[in-house]
């Protein structure tokens, strides 16, 4: 089992930045690929960004490309999502996830955190 705890969400204005953190415990975090998903009201949970277990590859949904940066520190068992130039449409609950197979599908990630709320006001 891998336990994931997100933090860093909040209420910000359009154009602001936030840095989400994902603290992992349990099994070796470095063995897992990691991703961030988000769930907005009235929408399905969507993939936002992913990073392979060693940080060698990253992937972003088009809507956040160039604004968000995913990273990880395996020595600290931490994952991060730096979010810049935030927009109201980024408002959602953001979830950290870990799994063995990298990709954009929810089913590829076996472990999930409880989520952290990000609200961007216009």
Protein backbone atom coordinates (compact mmCIF):
# COMPACT_ATOMS: atom_id res chain seq x y z
CA UNK A 1 0.00 0.00 0.00
CA UNK A 2 0.98 3.58 -0.64
CA UNK A 3 -0.65 6.32 1.37
CA UNK A 4 -0.88 9.72 -0.28
CA UNK A 5 -1.72 13.03 1.35
CA UNK A 6 -2.15 16.21 -0.67
CA UNK A 7 -1.68 19.74 0.60
CA UNK A 8 -1.25 23.24 -0.71
CA UNK A 9 -4.66 24.00 -2.12
CA UNK A 10 -6.50 27.23 -1.46
CA UNK A 11 -8.43 30.20 -2.78
CA UNK A 12 -6.50 32.45 -5.16
CA UNK A 13 -7.21 35.06 -7.81
CA UNK A 14 -6.81 34.63 -11.54
CA UNK A 15 -3.17 34.71 -12.53
CA UNK A 16 -1.86 33.57 -9.16
CA UNK A 17 0.30 30.53 -8.43
CA UNK A 18 -0.03 27.58 -6.11
CA UNK A 19 2.19 24.63 -5.36
CA UNK A 20 0.50 21.39 -4.46
CA UNK A 21 2.39 18.76 -2.53
CA UNK A 22 1.81 15.03 -2.26
CA UNK A 23 3.38 13.23 0.69
CA UNK A 24 3.76 9.48 0.23
CA UNK A 25 4.26 6.78 2.85
CA UNK A 26 4.15 3.02 2.91
CA UNK A 27 5.78 1.16 0.07
CA UNK A 28 8.71 2.63 -1.81
CA UNK A 29 7.36 5.71 -3.52
CA UNK A 30 10.17 5.71 -6.04
CA UNK A 31 8.86 2.48 -7.53
CA UNK A 32 5.65 4.13 -8.68
CA UNK A 33 4.66 6.49 -11.42
CA UNK A 34 2.75 9.48 -10.16
CA UNK A 35 0.03 11.71 -11.52
CA UNK A 36 -2.28 14.55 -10.61
CA UNK A 37 -5.96 14.43 -11.50
CA UNK A 38 -8.69 16.94 -10.84
CA UNK A 39 -12.42 16.85 -10.34
CA UNK A 40 -14.46 19.93 -11.12
CA UNK A 41 -18.17 20.31 -10.35
CA UNK A 42 -20.29 18.62 -12.98
CA UNK A 43 -17.30 17.03 -14.69
CA UNK A 44 -15.51 13.72 -14.61
CA UNK A 45 -12.17 13.33 -12.88
CA UNK A 46 -9.55 14.22 -15.45
CA UNK A 47 -5.84 13.65 -15.85
CA UNK A 48 -3.78 16.82 -15.36
CA UNK A 49 -0.13 15.75 -15.31
CA UNK A 50 1.98 12.63 -14.86
CA UNK A 51 5.59 11.79 -14.12
CA UNK A 52 7.38 8.48 -14.37
CA UNK A 53 8.95 6.81 -11.38
CA UNK A 54 12.40 8.26 -12.01
CA UNK A 55 11.25 11.63 -13.28
CA UNK A 56 12.48 10.86 -16.78
CA UNK A 57 9.22 11.66 -18.53
CA UNK A 58 6.35 14.00 -17.89
CA UNK A 59 2.98 14.42 -19.54
CA UNK A 60 0.41 17.21 -19.38
CA UNK A 61 -3.11 17.73 -20.55
CA UNK A 62 -3.20 20.46 -23.19
CA UNK A 63 -5.12 22.90 -21.00
CA UNK A 64 -2.28 23.14 -18.46
CA UNK A 65 0.73 22.72 -20.75
CA UNK A 66 3.16 25.56 -20.16
CA UNK A 67 1.45 26.67 -16.93
CA UNK A 68 1.78 23.61 -14.67
CA UNK A 69 4.91 21.65 -13.79
CA UNK A 70 4.92 18.23 -12.17
CA UNK A 71 7.96 17.06 -10.24
CA UNK A 72 8.98 14.62 -7.56
CA UNK A 73 11.67 14.10 -4.94
CA UNK A 74 12.02 10.37 -4.31
CA UNK A 75 14.48 10.92 -1.48
CA UNK A 76 11.77 12.80 0.39
CA UNK A 77 8.84 10.68 -0.85
CA UNK A 78 7.21 13.80 -2.20
CA UNK A 79 5.45 14.81 -5.38
CA UNK A 80 4.59 18.33 -6.48
CA UNK A 81 2.45 20.25 -8.90
CA UNK A 82 3.50 23.84 -9.50
CA UNK A 83 0.56 25.74 -10.94
CA UNK A 84 1.13 29.16 -12.47
CA UNK A 85 -1.17 31.60 -14.28
CA UNK A 86 -4.19 30.00 -12.70
CA UNK A 87 -7.57 30.41 -14.35
CA UNK A 88 -11.11 30.03 -12.98
CA UNK A 89 -11.46 26.86 -15.06
CA UNK A 90 -8.66 25.32 -12.99
CA UNK A 91 -11.01 25.29 -10.00
CA UNK A 92 -11.33 21.69 -8.82
CA UNK A 93 -10.35 19.18 -6.21
CA UNK A 94 -6.86 17.98 -7.09
CA UNK A 95 -5.84 14.40 -6.39
CA UNK A 96 -2.44 12.79 -6.27
CA UNK A 97 -2.25 9.21 -7.56
CA UNK A 98 0.40 6.50 -7.78
CA UNK A 99 0.58 3.44 -9.98
CA UNK A 100 2.82 0.98 -11.79
CA UNK A 101 1.94 1.88 -15.37
CA UNK A 102 2.28 5.49 -16.56
CA UNK A 103 -0.59 6.99 -18.47
CA UNK A 104 -3.69 9.16 -18.37
CA UNK A 105 -6.25 6.59 -17.34
CA UNK A 106 -7.69 6.60 -13.83
CA UNK A 107 -7.62 2.82 -13.73
CA UNK A 108 -3.83 2.85 -14.12
CA UNK A 109 -3.40 4.29 -10.66
CA UNK A 110 -4.07 2.05 -7.68
CA UNK A 111 -3.43 4.55 -4.91
CA UNK A 112 -5.12 7.89 -4.39
CA UNK A 113 -5.04 10.71 -1.92
CA UNK A 114 -8.08 12.45 -0.45
CA UNK A 115 -7.68 15.57 -2.55
CA UNK A 116 -7.08 19.25 -1.96
CA UNK A 117 -9.41 22.03 -3.09
CA UNK A 118 -8.15 24.68 -5.49
CA UNK A 119 -10.44 27.62 -6.14
CA UNK A 120 -9.54 30.37 -8.59
CA UNK A 121 -11.67 33.48 -8.47
CA UNK A 122 -12.14 35.75 -11.46
